[in-house]
Protein backbone atom coordinates (compact mmCIF):
# COMPACT_ATOMS: atom_id res chain seq x y z
CA MET A 1 109.96 106.75 94.67
CA GLU A 2 110.57 110.79 96.15
CA GLU A 3 108.38 110.38 98.75
CA CYS A 4 110.01 107.24 100.08
CA LYS A 5 113.25 108.85 101.03
CA ILE A 6 114.48 109.73 104.91
CA VAL A 7 115.10 113.40 104.06
CA ASN A 8 111.61 113.99 102.63
CA LEU A 9 109.92 111.75 105.42
CA TYR A 10 111.86 113.17 108.43
CA THR A 11 113.57 116.13 109.71
CA LEU A 12 116.74 114.51 111.02
CA ASP A 13 117.47 117.08 113.88
CA GLU A 14 114.85 115.69 115.87
CA THR A 15 116.41 111.95 116.33
CA ILE A 16 119.47 111.05 118.38
CA ALA A 17 120.31 108.35 115.20
CA LYS A 18 120.59 111.80 112.90
CA ASP A 19 123.87 110.34 111.82
CA LEU A 20 122.75 106.52 110.72
CA LEU A 21 120.01 107.56 108.85
CA GLU A 22 122.10 110.43 107.01
CA LYS A 23 124.00 107.50 105.95
CA HIS A 24 121.14 105.93 103.81
CA GLU A 25 118.88 106.94 100.59
CA TYR A 26 115.75 104.76 101.65
CA PRO A 27 114.34 104.37 105.73
CA TRP A 28 114.15 100.57 105.45
CA GLU A 29 118.29 100.41 104.69
CA VAL A 30 118.38 101.61 108.07
CA LEU A 31 116.88 98.61 109.53
CA PRO A 32 119.51 95.88 109.57
CA HIS A 33 122.30 98.67 111.33
CA ILE A 34 120.16 99.59 114.62
CA GLU A 35 121.83 97.26 116.83
CA GLU A 36 125.52 98.27 115.87
CA TYR A 37 124.60 101.69 116.35
CA ILE A 38 123.14 101.49 119.49
CA LYS A 39 126.41 99.80 120.81
CA GLU A 40 128.32 102.58 119.45
CA LEU A 41 126.10 105.39 120.45
CA GLY A 42 125.74 104.49 123.91
CA LYS A 43 129.93 104.30 124.68
CA LYS A 44 129.36 108.59 123.69
CA LEU A 45 126.50 109.46 126.01
CA ASP A 46 127.44 111.98 128.53
CA LYS A 47 127.58 109.69 131.53
CA GLU A 48 126.46 112.49 133.78
CA GLU A 49 123.08 112.26 132.18
CA TYR A 50 122.87 108.59 130.81
CA ILE A 51 122.17 105.99 133.00
CA GLN A 52 123.59 102.87 131.65
CA LYS A 53 122.12 99.36 132.57
CA GLU A 54 123.12 96.03 131.28
CA ASN A 55 122.79 94.13 127.97
CA ASN A 56 123.64 97.62 125.80
CA VAL A 57 120.86 99.78 127.87
CA TRP A 58 121.22 103.39 128.47
CA ILE A 59 118.01 105.38 130.39
CA HIS A 60 118.50 109.19 130.15
CA LYS A 61 117.90 110.73 133.85
CA THR A 62 115.04 112.55 133.28
CA ALA A 63 113.14 109.29 131.37
CA LYS A 64 110.07 108.34 133.23
CA VAL A 65 110.42 104.28 133.08
CA TYR A 66 107.84 102.17 134.66
CA ASP A 67 108.48 99.27 137.28
CA SER A 68 106.67 97.11 135.59
CA ALA A 69 108.13 97.80 132.31
CA TYR A 70 110.39 95.36 130.70
CA ILE A 71 114.00 96.73 128.84
CA GLY A 72 115.62 93.96 126.58
CA GLU A 73 118.45 94.61 124.91
CA ASN A 74 120.69 97.28 122.76
CA CYS A 75 118.24 100.34 123.94
CA ILE A 76 118.56 103.83 124.27
CA ILE A 77 116.08 106.16 125.96
CA CYS A 78 116.23 109.74 125.81
CA LYS A 79 115.29 112.97 127.66
CA ASN A 80 111.90 113.18 129.26
CA ALA A 81 110.74 109.94 127.39
CA GLU A 82 108.06 108.02 129.73
CA ILE A 83 107.63 103.93 129.17
CA ARG A 84 104.39 102.90 131.00
CA HIS A 85 103.36 100.20 132.79
CA CYS A 86 103.88 96.70 131.51
CA ALA A 87 106.03 98.11 128.13
CA PHE A 88 107.56 95.99 126.21
CA ILE A 89 111.11 96.44 124.84
CA ARG A 90 112.64 93.52 123.27
CA LYS A 91 115.55 94.92 121.64
CA ASN A 92 116.90 97.43 119.42
CA ALA A 93 115.46 101.01 120.15
CA ILE A 94 116.08 104.00 119.98
CA ILE A 95 112.88 106.09 121.72
CA GLY A 96 113.22 109.68 121.18
CA GLU A 97 113.07 113.04 123.54
CA GLY A 98 109.60 113.40 124.77
CA THR A 99 108.32 110.10 123.40
CA VAL A 100 105.60 107.85 124.78
CA VAL A 101 105.81 104.18 124.62
CA GLY A 102 102.62 102.72 126.71
CA ASN A 103 100.84 100.04 128.42
CA SER A 104 101.41 96.65 126.40
CA THR A 105 102.81 98.59 123.90
CA GLU A 106 106.25 96.52 122.19
CA LEU A 107 109.05 97.39 120.11
CA LYS A 108 111.57 95.53 118.43
CA ASN A 109 114.05 96.79 116.11
CA VAL A 110 112.85 100.79 115.57
CA ILE A 111 113.52 104.05 115.70
CA LEU A 112 111.46 106.63 117.42
CA PHE A 113 111.97 110.26 116.77
CA ASN A 114 111.41 112.88 119.35
CA LYS A 115 107.36 113.23 120.70
CA VAL A 116 106.49 110.03 119.20
CA GLN A 117 103.24 108.52 120.81
CA VAL A 118 102.63 104.96 121.13
CA PRO A 119 100.26 105.09 124.24
CA HIS A 120 97.93 102.09 124.04
CA TYR A 121 98.41 98.36 122.70
CA ASN A 122 100.67 98.87 119.58
CA TYR A 123 103.23 96.53 118.10
CA VAL A 124 105.80 98.36 116.64
CA GLY A 125 108.74 96.38 115.17
CA ASP A 126 111.34 96.89 112.16
CA SER A 127 110.03 100.26 111.88
CA ILE A 128 111.15 104.15 112.01
CA LEU A 129 108.14 106.50 113.20
CA GLY A 130 108.98 110.39 112.42
CA TYR A 131 108.88 113.33 114.75
CA LYS A 132 105.36 113.64 116.72
CA ALA A 133 104.03 110.53 114.35
CA HIS A 134 101.28 108.92 116.86
CA MET A 135 99.60 105.46 116.46
CA GLY A 136 96.24 105.24 118.29
CA ALA A 137 95.32 102.54 120.38
CA GLY A 138 95.63 99.37 118.76
CA SER A 139 97.17 99.77 116.11
CA ILE A 140 100.24 98.07 114.86
CA THR A 141 102.71 97.48 112.26
CA SER A 142 102.45 94.42 110.43
CA ASN A 143 106.59 93.15 109.69
CA VAL A 144 106.22 89.86 107.80
CA LYS A 145 104.48 89.07 105.11
CA SER A 146 102.37 85.61 105.17
CA ASP A 147 103.81 84.27 102.44
CA LYS A 148 107.49 84.90 104.40
CA LYS A 149 108.97 86.52 100.86
CA LEU A 150 111.05 89.22 100.99
CA VAL A 151 108.86 92.85 101.26
CA VAL A 152 108.59 94.66 97.88
CA ILE A 153 107.82 98.61 98.69
CA LYS A 154 105.24 99.46 96.05
CA ASN A 155 103.87 102.76 94.96
CA GLY A 156 101.56 101.99 91.92
CA GLU A 157 103.66 100.62 89.53
CA GLU A 158 106.88 101.05 90.92
CA ARG A 159 108.73 98.53 92.69
CA ILE A 160 111.76 98.22 94.92
CA GLU A 161 112.99 95.06 96.10
CA THR A 162 114.10 95.61 99.51
CA GLY A 163 115.95 92.03 99.49
CA ILE A 164 114.45 92.37 103.33
CA LYS A 165 112.60 90.06 105.12
CA LYS A 166 111.15 91.77 107.90
CA ILE A 167 109.89 95.45 107.18
CA GLY A 168 107.01 97.36 109.19
CA ALA A 169 106.15 100.58 108.67
CA MET A 170 107.87 104.14 108.13
CA LEU A 171 105.99 106.97 109.22
CA GLY A 172 107.06 110.18 108.28
CA ASP A 173 106.55 113.58 110.91
CA ASN A 174 103.56 114.38 112.14
CA VAL A 175 101.92 110.66 110.97
CA GLU A 176 98.43 110.08 112.77
CA VAL A 177 97.30 106.63 112.30
CA GLY A 178 93.93 106.10 113.75
CA CYS A 179 92.72 103.54 116.35
CA GLY A 180 92.87 99.53 115.42
CA SER A 181 94.55 99.86 112.10
CA VAL A 182 97.26 97.86 110.42
CA LEU A 183 99.72 98.91 108.71
CA ASN A 184 101.22 96.36 106.20
CA PRO A 185 105.12 94.97 105.61
CA GLY A 186 106.51 97.62 103.52
CA THR A 187 104.17 100.38 104.32
CA ILE A 188 105.57 103.84 103.86
CA ILE A 189 103.56 107.06 105.06
CA GLY A 190 103.81 110.17 104.24
CA LYS A 191 104.63 113.72 106.18
CA ASN A 192 101.38 114.92 107.99
CA THR A 193 98.90 112.63 106.41
CA ASN A 194 96.12 110.94 108.36
CA ILE A 195 94.86 107.50 108.44
CA TYR A 196 91.64 106.63 109.49
CA PRO A 197 90.73 103.93 112.22
CA LEU A 198 90.50 100.41 111.13
CA SER A 199 92.40 100.98 108.18
CA SER A 200 94.39 98.23 106.53
CA VAL A 201 97.41 100.11 104.88
CA ARG A 202 100.01 99.10 102.11
CA GLY A 203 102.32 100.86 99.58
CA VAL A 204 103.06 104.07 99.51
CA ILE A 205 100.44 106.64 100.81
CA LYS A 206 101.17 110.54 99.58
CA PRO A 207 102.09 113.49 102.47
CA ASN A 208 99.22 115.64 103.64
CA SER A 209 96.45 113.47 102.61
CA ILE A 210 93.91 111.69 104.02
CA TYR A 211 93.91 107.54 104.01
CA LYS A 212 89.96 106.71 104.44
CA GLU A 213 90.03 102.90 102.77
CA LYS A 214 91.76 101.87 99.85
CA GLY A 215 91.12 103.49 96.73
CA ASN A 216 89.73 106.28 98.20
CA ILE A 217 92.78 108.60 99.39
CA VAL A 218 92.21 112.65 99.28
CA GLU A 219 94.72 115.53 99.98
CA LYS A 220 94.28 117.73 103.52
CA ASN A 221 92.86 121.23 102.56
C-alpha cells in the first residue's frame, strides 16, 4: 500500500513532529507514541519562544488562544496558531504553525501539520492531518468502529491489520474535505484530493483525485 506510507502522504519538513514520523512507515503506527513524544519534545523547546503551562502544555508566544478555549494535557501549540472560541483540545495534540482550530472543534491524540484548518465544529481524533489540509464545517473523523473491533486498513483487495482499536483518518497534504462529511475509521486520503460535501468515506482514496461518492472517484485534470 504505497499510497498509505508516510513518505507519500506528508511533507515532513512542515511539522515539528518530523522526528517521530520518520521512525515509522505508516501513519497509524505513530498514534500510540504521540503523548510520549510531546512530553519529550516539550522539554527541548526554546523557553524564549514557548510558554509552559500545567499538564505538559507548551504554547508559542505568537499563538492566539481565546480565553474560552479548553487546553487539556500534553499539547504543543506552535508559532502563529489560532485556537478559537470554545475549542476543546482534550489531550495529546501537536498543532502546527499557522494552524486554525475553530469554534467547538475537538481534538484528541492528533498531529496537525503546519497551516491545517479545522475551523468549524469538527471532531478530529486519533488522526494525522498533512500540510494545508482543510476540513469543512461539521466534517469529522470517526475513530472507533461500531462493532468495536480492531481497525483494518483496506485498499481494494489489500488489507493491513493495524492491531489498533482507535484510528481516525490520515489526510495527506492539501486535502480538502467538504462540509458535513464523515471519515470512517482507518480512512486514508492521498495528497491533493478533494472530498465532496456530505460524503461518507472509508478505505484508501488515491492522491490527486475527487471523491464524489462511493464508486464515483475521478482523477483531477
